[in-house]
Structures are given as structure tokens and as C-alpha cells.
């Protein structure tokens, strides 16, 4: 899962980025409001989808405040979930952030485990899921613990394999281009091999069956929708 961190404090930004990467997130970090707005409004492919599953946004930013960034995003129709991270703990500040379009609010200093839990909850909500587990036939994956099972048996996955499988299973029937999948898996500065996605898809097919991920020639990859009542 790829997220955008907009935070001007170098110590906080560095620690949050490191902690989230250890939790399996791909994190892009910018340190002012203008850069945050530019990054958050870049599209993730020909369908114009956002690159990020979630935006972590400080309020006290240079060049453009967090509230201004948030208002601009919502005015442009960017519906990516936004979690505000700020030292401003007054009720009026929380209300202002939520009324400007934020989805959640966390006051500094915060516990990194709570941050990760809130992030997962926001992504679930954005995907239209209430249950924390993703189920597809005999496959069950836990985005929080990054564990996967097939028919009740544990399946070992690398971080990138898990991220790819999570993206595909969250939206059965959606055809993903290779570029779109790379956008979900890699942050800025990450080295991307010429056929990296194909390698991960090959590995997932070996572990979960050749029919799980289908190739739409010249377009991309898709996990087909299950018939009603067969999702587990």
C-alpha cells in the first residue's frame, strides 16, 4: 500500500516513514504544502486514479497550510482518505480539519501502532469494507498482520507479494495495468525492475493457483469477480 506523508518536521517525518515501511507501506514523504498538493494530485494511470491509498497530512506546513492543501484537494475532486497529524489539539482545530474534508485526526505525539491501525481502518472504509480481513474464495488475508491463508493453510508471502495480492483482491474485476500496480507497490527512490510485477504475479500463481490472476493481453491483470455467495 502506497501512502503520502506531508510533514515538515524532519525527525517526525523520518521516524514515521521508517516505522510505516517496516509495516509494509510504501511511503513518499514531502515537507511542505505545495509539494504535498502536487504529489497528491498526480494520477496513477490512464484512468486518472490517485497514486495513494491514503494521505497523512500535517497542518502547520510551510508554503501552504495543511487545511489549505486539504481544501484544494477536495475542491479538485480528490477523494483519497486524509488522516491529519498535528500538534494542534484544540476542539476547534479538530472540527476545522474534519469540516475541511479530513477523514480522521491524530494529535502528536501519537503511538505508531495506533497510527497504523487508523490507516488500515480508513483504507477499509474507502474500499467499502467493514471487516478487517479480505476474503476471496478459499483465500483470506489480514492487511494488519500481513498473513495469508489458502483453505486454512498459511501461505508465506514477501512484502511485495502481499501488497500486490491485497490490491488485486480488494477490487475483483478491475483490470490493473503493470504501471498501476507498480504505483501501488513502490515509493519514490525504490528500484523497479523491468519485469518485477510479472515475477510477483508468477509467484502468486504458484502459491494460490494459476487461475487466480488472469492476464488481459495488452492491458494488464485481473482477479475475476466471484459469483454471488462464493466469496467466503
C-alpha atoms as a PDB file:
ATOM      1  CA  UNK A   1       0.000   0.000   0.000  1.00  0.00           C
ATOM      2  CA  UNK A   2       1.427   3.368  -1.035  1.00  0.00           C
ATOM      3  CA  UNK A   3       0.847   6.433   1.155  1.00  0.00           C
ATOM      4  CA  UNK A   4       1.839  10.096   1.032  1.00  0.00           C
ATOM      5  CA  UNK A   5       3.294  11.726   4.150  1.00  0.00           C
ATOM      6  CA  UNK A   6       3.213  15.546   4.225  1.00  0.00           C
ATOM      7  CA  UNK A   7       5.218  16.582   7.295  1.00  0.00           C
ATOM      8  CA  UNK A   8       7.758  19.397   7.716  1.00  0.00           C
ATOM      9  CA  UNK A   9       9.365  18.146  10.942  1.00  0.00           C
ATOM     10  CA  UNK A  10      12.370  16.095   9.810  1.00  0.00           C
ATOM     11  CA  UNK A  11      12.581  13.992  12.971  1.00  0.00           C
ATOM     12  CA  UNK A  12       8.876  13.086  12.941  1.00  0.00           C
ATOM     13  CA  UNK A  13       8.799  12.504   9.205  1.00  0.00           C
ATOM     14  CA  UNK A  14      11.849  10.263   9.260  1.00  0.00           C
ATOM     15  CA  UNK A  15      10.566   8.155  12.163  1.00  0.00           C
ATOM     16  CA  UNK A  16       7.061   7.808  10.723  1.00  0.00           C
ATOM     17  CA  UNK A  17       8.400   6.861   7.305  1.00  0.00           C
ATOM     18  CA  UNK A  18      10.739   4.246   8.777  1.00  0.00           C
ATOM     19  CA  UNK A  19       8.030   2.763  11.017  1.00  0.00           C
ATOM     20  CA  UNK A  20       5.478   2.555   8.214  1.00  0.00           C
ATOM     21  CA  UNK A  21       7.947   0.975   5.806  1.00  0.00           C
ATOM     22  CA  UNK A  22       8.565  -1.702   8.444  1.00  0.00           C
ATOM     23  CA  UNK A  23       4.792  -2.258   8.479  1.00  0.00           C
ATOM     24  CA  UNK A  24       4.808  -2.903   4.732  1.00  0.00           C
ATOM     25  CA  UNK A  25       3.739   0.544   3.483  1.00  0.00           C
ATOM     26  CA  UNK A  26       5.448   2.299   0.579  1.00  0.00           C
ATOM     27  CA  UNK A  27       5.866   5.887   1.798  1.00  0.00           C
ATOM     28  CA  UNK A  28       6.529   9.067  -0.185  1.00  0.00           C
ATOM     29  CA  UNK A  29       7.480  11.989   2.086  1.00  0.00           C
ATOM     30  CA  UNK A  30       7.328  15.696   1.248  1.00  0.00           C
ATOM     31  CA  UNK A  31       7.941  18.590   3.633  1.00  0.00           C
ATOM     32  CA  UNK A  32       5.751  21.499   2.524  1.00  0.00           C
ATOM     33  CA  UNK A  33       2.184  22.123   1.460  1.00  0.00           C
ATOM     34  CA  UNK A  34       2.878  22.956  -2.185  1.00  0.00           C
ATOM     35  CA  UNK A  35       4.835  19.736  -2.689  1.00  0.00           C
ATOM     36  CA  UNK A  36       2.123  17.818  -0.859  1.00  0.00           C
ATOM     37  CA  UNK A  37      -0.611  19.190  -3.102  1.00  0.00           C
ATOM     38  CA  UNK A  38       1.410  18.447  -6.240  1.00  0.00           C
ATOM     39  CA  UNK A  39       2.114  14.865  -5.146  1.00  0.00           C
ATOM     40  CA  UNK A  40      -1.442  14.189  -4.001  1.00  0.00           C
ATOM     41  CA  UNK A  41      -2.976  15.324  -7.279  1.00  0.00           C
ATOM     42  CA  UNK A  42      -0.788  13.277  -9.611  1.00  0.00           C
ATOM     43  CA  UNK A  43      -2.741  10.489 -11.255  1.00  0.00           C
ATOM     44  CA  UNK A  44      -1.835   6.828 -11.081  1.00  0.00           C
ATOM     45  CA  UNK A  45      -2.554   5.784 -14.621  1.00  0.00           C
ATOM     46  CA  UNK A  46      -4.788   6.219 -17.656  1.00  0.00           C
ATOM     47  CA  UNK A  47      -7.966   6.014 -15.560  1.00  0.00           C
ATOM     48  CA  UNK A  48      -6.860   9.030 -13.557  1.00  0.00           C
ATOM     49  CA  UNK A  49      -6.881   7.206 -10.233  1.00  0.00           C
ATOM     50  CA  UNK A  50      -4.858   8.608  -7.360  1.00  0.00           C
ATOM     51  CA  UNK A  51      -1.449   7.079  -6.712  1.00  0.00           C
ATOM     52  CA  UNK A  52      -2.046   6.901  -2.984  1.00  0.00           C
ATOM     53  CA  UNK A  53      -4.304   4.792  -0.827  1.00  0.00           C
ATOM     54  CA  UNK A  54      -4.009   7.378   1.968  1.00  0.00           C
ATOM     55  CA  UNK A  55      -2.570  10.808   2.753  1.00  0.00           C
ATOM     56  CA  UNK A  56      -1.028  11.678   6.142  1.00  0.00           C
ATOM     57  CA  UNK A  57      -1.208  15.466   6.430  1.00  0.00           C
ATOM     58  CA  UNK A  58       0.338  17.850   8.963  1.00  0.00           C
ATOM     59  CA  UNK A  59      -1.450  21.188   9.451  1.00  0.00           C
ATOM     60  CA  UNK A  60       1.443  23.540  10.239  1.00  0.00           C
ATOM     61  CA  UNK A  61       3.230  23.334   6.901  1.00  0.00           C
ATOM     62  CA  UNK A  62       5.395  25.915   5.096  1.00  0.00           C
ATOM     63  CA  UNK A  63       4.323  27.438   1.757  1.00  0.00           C
ATOM     64  CA  UNK A  64       0.706  26.241   2.125  1.00  0.00           C
ATOM     65  CA  UNK A  65      -1.051  25.104   5.303  1.00  0.00           C
ATOM     66  CA  UNK A  66      -2.460  21.633   5.722  1.00  0.00           C
ATOM     67  CA  UNK A  67      -6.015  22.995   5.780  1.00  0.00           C
ATOM     68  CA  UNK A  68      -5.372  24.827   2.506  1.00  0.00           C
ATOM     69  CA  UNK A  69      -3.954  21.650   0.946  1.00  0.00           C
ATOM     70  CA  UNK A  70      -6.957  19.671   2.139  1.00  0.00           C
ATOM     71  CA  UNK A  71      -9.461  22.221   0.849  1.00  0.00           C
ATOM     72  CA  UNK A  72      -7.715  22.312  -2.525  1.00  0.00           C
ATOM     73  CA  UNK A  73      -7.724  18.510  -2.792  1.00  0.00           C
ATOM     74  CA  UNK A  74     -11.430  18.232  -2.079  1.00  0.00           C
ATOM     75  CA  UNK A  75     -12.220  21.138  -4.428  1.00  0.00           C
ATOM     76  CA  UNK A  76     -10.408  19.262  -7.214  1.00  0.00           C
ATOM     77  CA  UNK A  77     -12.391  16.109  -6.547  1.00  0.00           C
ATOM     78  CA  UNK A  78      -9.532  14.127  -4.982  1.00  0.00           C
ATOM     79  CA  UNK A  79     -11.288  11.703  -2.620  1.00  0.00           C
ATOM     80  CA  UNK A  80      -8.204   9.932  -1.241  1.00  0.00           C
ATOM     81  CA  UNK A  81      -8.655   9.406   2.525  1.00  0.00           C
ATOM     82  CA  UNK A  82      -6.795  12.023   4.583  1.00  0.00           C
ATOM     83  CA  UNK A  83      -5.571  11.482   8.139  1.00  0.00           C
ATOM     84  CA  UNK A  84      -4.458  14.717   9.814  1.00  0.00           C
ATOM     85  CA  UNK A  85      -1.371  14.528  12.046  1.00  0.00           C
ATOM     86  CA  UNK A  86      -0.882  17.662  14.127  1.00  0.00           C
ATOM     87  CA  UNK A  87       0.133  19.083  17.471  1.00  0.00           C
ATOM     88  CA  UNK A  88      -2.993  21.257  17.494  1.00  0.00           C
ATOM     89  CA  UNK A  89      -5.258  19.533  19.979  1.00  0.00           C
ATOM     90  CA  UNK A  90      -7.973  22.161  20.453  1.00  0.00           C
ATOM     91  CA  UNK A  91     -11.504  21.039  19.623  1.00  0.00           C
ATOM     92  CA  UNK A  92     -11.842  23.926  17.175  1.00  0.00           C
ATOM     93  CA  UNK A  93      -8.792  22.716  15.228  1.00  0.00           C
ATOM     94  CA  UNK A  94     -10.114  19.155  15.054  1.00  0.00           C
ATOM     95  CA  UNK A  95     -13.520  20.391  13.917  1.00  0.00           C
ATOM     96  CA  UNK A  96     -11.922  22.643  11.272  1.00  0.00           C
ATOM     97  CA  UNK A  97      -9.903  19.754   9.886  1.00  0.00           C
ATOM     98  CA  UNK A  98     -12.835  17.375   9.730  1.00  0.00           C
ATOM     99  CA  UNK A  99     -15.107  20.007   8.208  1.00  0.00           C
ATOM    100  CA  UNK A 100     -12.483  20.728   5.551  1.00  0.00           C
ATOM    101  CA  UNK A 101     -12.703  17.122   4.395  1.00  0.00           C
ATOM    102  CA  UNK A 102     -10.370  15.105   6.617  1.00  0.00           C
ATOM    103  CA  UNK A 103     -11.374  11.538   7.385  1.00  0.00           C
ATOM    104  CA  UNK A 104      -9.608  11.232  10.735  1.00  0.00           C
ATOM    105  CA  UNK A 105      -7.431  13.195  13.119  1.00  0.00           C
ATOM    106  CA  UNK A 106      -4.490  12.159  15.295  1.00  0.00           C
ATOM    107  CA  UNK A 107      -2.774  14.503  17.760  1.00  0.00           C
ATOM    108  CA  UNK A 108       1.008  14.483  18.219  1.00  0.00           C
ATOM    109  CA  UNK A 109       2.697  12.806  19.940  1.00  0.00           C
ATOM    110  CA  UNK A 110       0.963   9.623  18.852  1.00  0.00           C
ATOM    111  CA  UNK A 111       1.584   5.907  19.123  1.00  0.00           C
ATOM    112  CA  UNK A 112       2.768   4.420  15.831  1.00  0.00           C
ATOM    113  CA  UNK A 113       0.656   1.298  16.321  1.00  0.00           C
ATOM    114  CA  UNK A 114      -2.441   3.469  16.689  1.00  0.00           C
ATOM    115  CA  UNK A 115      -1.449   5.368  13.559  1.00  0.00           C
ATOM    116  CA  UNK A 116      -1.158   2.124  11.562  1.00  0.00           C
ATOM    117  CA  UNK A 117      -4.498   0.878  12.923  1.00  0.00           C
ATOM    118  CA  UNK A 118      -6.252   4.102  11.939  1.00  0.00           C
ATOM    119  CA  UNK A 119      -4.663   3.946   8.487  1.00  0.00           C
ATOM    120  CA  UNK A 120      -5.931   0.420   7.900  1.00  0.00           C
ATOM    121  CA  UNK A 121      -9.402   1.419   9.110  1.00  0.00           C
ATOM    122  CA  UNK A 122      -9.550   4.365   6.686  1.00  0.00           C
ATOM    123  CA  UNK A 123      -8.448   2.246   3.749  1.00  0.00           C
ATOM    124  CA  UNK A 124     -11.076  -0.396   4.619  1.00  0.00           C
ATOM    125  CA  UNK A 125     -13.737   2.290   4.683  1.00  0.00           C
ATOM    126  CA  UNK A 126     -12.577   3.715   1.342  1.00  0.00           C
ATOM    127  CA  UNK A 127     -12.776   0.234  -0.187  1.00  0.00           C
ATOM    128  CA  UNK A 128     -16.288  -0.252   1.187  1.00  0.00           C
ATOM    129  CA  UNK A 129     -15.299  -2.951   3.652  1.00  0.00           C
ATOM    130  CA  UNK A 130     -16.230  -3.218   7.315  1.00  0.00           C
ATOM    131  CA  UNK A 131     -14.434  -6.493   8.027  1.00  0.00           C
ATOM    132  CA  UNK A 132     -10.675  -6.209   8.597  1.00  0.00           C
ATOM    133  CA  UNK A 133      -9.962  -9.399   6.620  1.00  0.00           C
ATOM    134  CA  UNK A 134     -10.025  -9.712   2.839  1.00  0.00           C
ATOM    135  CA  UNK A 135     -11.695 -12.917   1.645  1.00  0.00           C
ATOM    136  CA  UNK A 136     -11.756 -14.369  -1.837  1.00  0.00           C
ATOM    137  CA  UNK A 137     -12.902 -17.959  -2.186  1.00  0.00           C
ATOM    138  CA  UNK A 138     -10.546 -20.013  -0.025  1.00  0.00           C
ATOM    139  CA  UNK A 139      -8.088 -17.127   0.338  1.00  0.00           C
ATOM    140  CA  UNK A 140      -8.066 -14.987   3.483  1.00  0.00           C
ATOM    141  CA  UNK A 141      -5.572 -12.170   4.002  1.00  0.00           C
ATOM    142  CA  UNK A 142      -5.060  -9.926   7.006  1.00  0.00           C
ATOM    143  CA  UNK A 143      -3.750  -6.484   5.966  1.00  0.00           C
ATOM    144  CA  UNK A 144      -2.712  -5.654   9.533  1.00  0.00           C
ATOM    145  CA  UNK A 145      -0.606  -8.733  10.294  1.00  0.00           C
ATOM    146  CA  UNK A 146       0.231  -9.356   6.609  1.00  0.00           C
ATOM    147  CA  UNK A 147      -0.740 -13.004   6.962  1.00  0.00           C
ATOM    148  CA  UNK A 148      -2.394 -15.043   4.225  1.00  0.00           C
ATOM    149  CA  UNK A 149      -4.081 -18.434   4.200  1.00  0.00           C
ATOM    150  CA  UNK A 150      -5.425 -20.713   1.494  1.00  0.00           C
ATOM    151  CA  UNK A 151      -8.117 -23.141   2.626  1.00  0.00           C
ATOM    152  CA  UNK A 152      -6.958 -22.583   6.193  1.00  0.00           C
ATOM    153  CA  UNK A 153      -3.273 -23.226   5.496  1.00  0.00           C
ATOM    154  CA  UNK A 154      -0.734 -20.434   5.973  1.00  0.00           C
ATOM    155  CA  UNK A 155       0.958 -19.147   2.819  1.00  0.00           C
ATOM    156  CA  UNK A 156       4.270 -17.321   3.116  1.00  0.00           C
ATOM    157  CA  UNK A 157       4.422 -14.101   1.103  1.00  0.00           C
ATOM    158  CA  UNK A 158       7.054 -11.425   0.658  1.00  0.00           C
ATOM    159  CA  UNK A 159       6.027  -7.842   1.446  1.00  0.00           C
ATOM    160  CA  UNK A 160       5.637  -7.007  -2.245  1.00  0.00           C
ATOM    161  CA  UNK A 161       3.722 -10.218  -2.994  1.00  0.00           C
ATOM    162  CA  UNK A 162       1.360  -9.385  -0.155  1.00  0.00           C
ATOM    163  CA  UNK A 163       0.910  -5.812  -1.372  1.00  0.00           C
ATOM    164  CA  UNK A 164       0.159  -6.971  -4.907  1.00  0.00           C
ATOM    165  CA  UNK A 165      -2.305  -9.623  -3.762  1.00  0.00           C
ATOM    166  CA  UNK A 166      -4.053  -7.131  -1.464  1.00  0.00           C
ATOM    167  CA  UNK A 167      -4.552  -4.641  -4.289  1.00  0.00           C
ATOM    168  CA  UNK A 168      -5.945  -7.275  -6.639  1.00  0.00           C
ATOM    169  CA  UNK A 169      -8.275  -8.897  -4.095  1.00  0.00           C
ATOM    170  CA  UNK A 170      -9.604  -5.569  -2.830  1.00  0.00           C
ATOM    171  CA  UNK A 171     -11.141  -4.912  -6.262  1.00  0.00           C
ATOM    172  CA  UNK A 172     -12.047  -8.141  -8.078  1.00  0.00           C
ATOM    173  CA  UNK A 173     -12.958  -7.497 -11.688  1.00  0.00           C
ATOM    174  CA  UNK A 174     -10.730  -4.441 -12.024  1.00  0.00           C
ATOM    175  CA  UNK A 175      -8.058  -4.746 -14.695  1.00  0.00           C
ATOM    176  CA  UNK A 176      -4.771  -3.285 -13.453  1.00  0.00           C
ATOM    177  CA  UNK A 177      -2.017  -2.205 -15.828  1.00  0.00           C
ATOM    178  CA  UNK A 178       1.563  -3.001 -14.863  1.00  0.00           C
ATOM    179  CA  UNK A 179       2.171   0.733 -14.323  1.00  0.00           C
ATOM    180  CA  UNK A 180      -0.794   0.992 -11.943  1.00  0.00           C
ATOM    181  CA  UNK A 181       0.413  -1.980  -9.921  1.00  0.00           C
ATOM    182  CA  UNK A 182       3.913  -0.505  -9.726  1.00  0.00           C
ATOM    183  CA  UNK A 183       2.391   2.736  -8.430  1.00  0.00           C
ATOM    184  CA  UNK A 184       0.766   0.785  -5.589  1.00  0.00           C
ATOM    185  CA  UNK A 185       3.912  -1.118  -4.632  1.00  0.00           C
ATOM    186  CA  UNK A 186       6.806   1.323  -4.919  1.00  0.00           C
ATOM    187  CA  UNK A 187       7.619   4.672  -3.357  1.00  0.00           C
ATOM    188  CA  UNK A 188       9.981   7.312  -4.690  1.00  0.00           C
ATOM    189  CA  UNK A 189      13.541   6.062  -4.913  1.00  0.00           C
ATOM    190  CA  UNK A 190      12.592   2.382  -4.888  1.00  0.00           C
ATOM    191  CA  UNK A 191      14.282   0.452  -7.664  1.00  0.00           C
ATOM    192  CA  UNK A 192      11.771  -1.158 -10.018  1.00  0.00           C
ATOM    193  CA  UNK A 193      12.954  -3.967 -12.300  1.00  0.00           C
ATOM    194  CA  UNK A 194      11.703  -4.186 -15.876  1.00  0.00           C
ATOM    195  CA  UNK A 195       9.553  -7.260 -15.180  1.00  0.00           C
ATOM    196  CA  UNK A 196       9.169  -7.082 -11.414  1.00  0.00           C
ATOM    197  CA  UNK A 197       5.355  -7.181 -11.359  1.00  0.00           C
ATOM    198  CA  UNK A 198       5.316 -10.182 -13.674  1.00  0.00           C
ATOM    199  CA  UNK A 199       7.720 -12.010 -11.361  1.00  0.00           C
ATOM    200  CA  UNK A 200       5.462 -11.400  -8.354  1.00  0.00           C
ATOM    201  CA  UNK A 201       2.373 -12.478 -10.285  1.00  0.00           C
ATOM    202  CA  UNK A 202       4.116 -15.683 -11.314  1.00  0.00           C
ATOM    203  CA  UNK A 203       4.951 -16.361  -7.654  1.00  0.00           C
ATOM    204  CA  UNK A 204       1.355 -15.701  -6.544  1.00  0.00           C
ATOM    205  CA  UNK A 205       0.005 -18.067  -9.207  1.00  0.00           C
ATOM    206  CA  UNK A 206       2.314 -20.807  -7.956  1.00  0.00           C
ATOM    207  CA  UNK A 207       1.107 -20.306  -4.391  1.00  0.00           C
ATOM    208  CA  UNK A 208      -2.630 -19.785  -4.993  1.00  0.00           C
ATOM    209  CA  UNK A 209      -3.301 -21.443  -8.343  1.00  0.00           C
ATOM    210  CA  UNK A 210      -2.750 -20.466 -11.953  1.00  0.00           C
ATOM    211  CA  UNK A 211      -6.339 -19.304 -12.404  1.00  0.00           C
ATOM    212  CA  UNK A 212      -6.336 -16.685  -9.644  1.00  0.00           C
ATOM    213  CA  UNK A 213      -4.783 -13.858 -11.650  1.00  0.00           C
ATOM    214  CA  UNK A 214      -5.674 -13.582 -15.303  1.00  0.00           C
ATOM    215  CA  UNK A 215      -3.724 -11.745 -17.963  1.00  0.00           C
ATOM    216  CA  UNK A 216      -5.697  -9.474 -20.270  1.00  0.00           C
ATOM    217  CA  UNK A 217      -3.296  -9.306 -23.173  1.00  0.00           C
ATOM    218  CA  UNK A 218      -2.066  -5.799 -23.873  1.00  0.00           C
ATOM    219  CA  UNK A 219      -3.989  -4.365 -20.921  1.00  0.00           C
ATOM    220  CA  UNK A 220      -2.941  -5.902 -17.614  1.00  0.00           C
ATOM    221  CA  UNK A 221      -4.011  -8.273 -14.867  1.00  0.00           C
ATOM    222  CA  UNK A 222      -7.270  -9.033 -13.097  1.00  0.00           C
ATOM    223  CA  UNK A 223      -8.661 -11.249 -10.369  1.00  0.00           C
ATOM    224  CA  UNK A 224     -12.100 -12.192 -11.715  1.00  0.00           C
ATOM    225  CA  UNK A 225     -15.214 -11.461  -9.716  1.00  0.00           C
ATOM    226  CA  UNK A 226     -16.647 -14.437  -7.873  1.00  0.00           C
ATOM    227  CA  UNK A 227     -20.223 -15.487  -8.325  1.00  0.00           C
ATOM    228  CA  UNK A 228     -22.549 -14.178  -5.631  1.00  0.00           C
ATOM    229  CA  UNK A 229     -22.227 -16.138  -2.401  1.00  0.00           C
ATOM    230  CA  UNK A 230     -18.837 -17.683  -3.225  1.00  0.00           C
ATOM    231  CA  UNK A 231     -16.572 -15.012  -1.735  1.00  0.00           C
ATOM    232  CA  UNK A 232     -16.302 -16.823   1.572  1.00  0.00           C
END
